[in-house]
Amino acid sequence: MQLEQEFQEAERAIIQFADSYRYNKSRKQNEQSISESALSLTKVTTSIKFLRDKISNNYICKSVINTPNLLKSLATLTSFQIDTHMNYLIDLQRYGIRSLSRDCLSVIQYIGDASDKTDLVNERYGRVLTIPFSTAGGHGEEQNQRIYLALCCIYNFLRQLHLVKNDYWYMSFPPFPQLARSTVEQIVEEGGNEEIEAQINNKGLYYNFKDQANSVKATVLNFYIDNSNTRPDWYN
């Protein structure tokens, strides 16, 4: 009962905050016009962190999926604007909101069933997967870590959707080529294919970008080949 109550409180805070963000963004108002006091930012950060820490619980995971607008709200907040240069501490809180929201969706990617993955793709999860390339933030190996993890997420998600897989990490279900196709299209629309190509030449100290980027590239290309589609220009 306590877990359910905590979830409902977190759900309300996240949806209300995301609704305000979308409303102000659509009206092209200054980001700061959202009620972004330190208190409101702290509240929504705490709420998303609660989901992130509890989402491996099957009740919380299914509740996130089944609660109207909650999954959409998390997807929206993965691209929450941060580069305001108004207040460094507020920017840190904004970055935390974006990062935690992406973490929630990543957990669903890894533990969710076929229906959950369909819901992710319907919320344009392919776009979410490309965000770390353009907004990684940080410097040096800190930035490289976020980009490398993004490459891993793209590779693993496409592999789950496109291949019949029965292994330690993933739930087993039949392949869903149409979901894989939609995800690839979303990645391409966001310019993610160009970013993946660029990472082949990334010489990070602790991460093998070339191999991981080539794995992602091959996974996408195999999708086109297996579905008798024309090879895209960006994979000549």
Foldseek 3Di string as FASTA:
>chain_A
DVLVVLLVQLQVLLQVQLVLQVVCVVVVHDSPVRVQDVVSLVSNLVSLVSLLVCCVPVVSVVCCLPPPCNLLSLLSLLPQDQPPVPDPVSSVSSNSSNVSSLSNLLVCLFEPDPVSLVSCLVSLVLLSLQVLLVVVDDDAVSSVVSVLVSLVSLLVSLCQQADQDDDDGHDGDHHHLVSSVSSVVSCVVNVVLVSLVVQLPDPHDPDNSVVSSVSSVVSNQVSCVVVVHDRDPSND
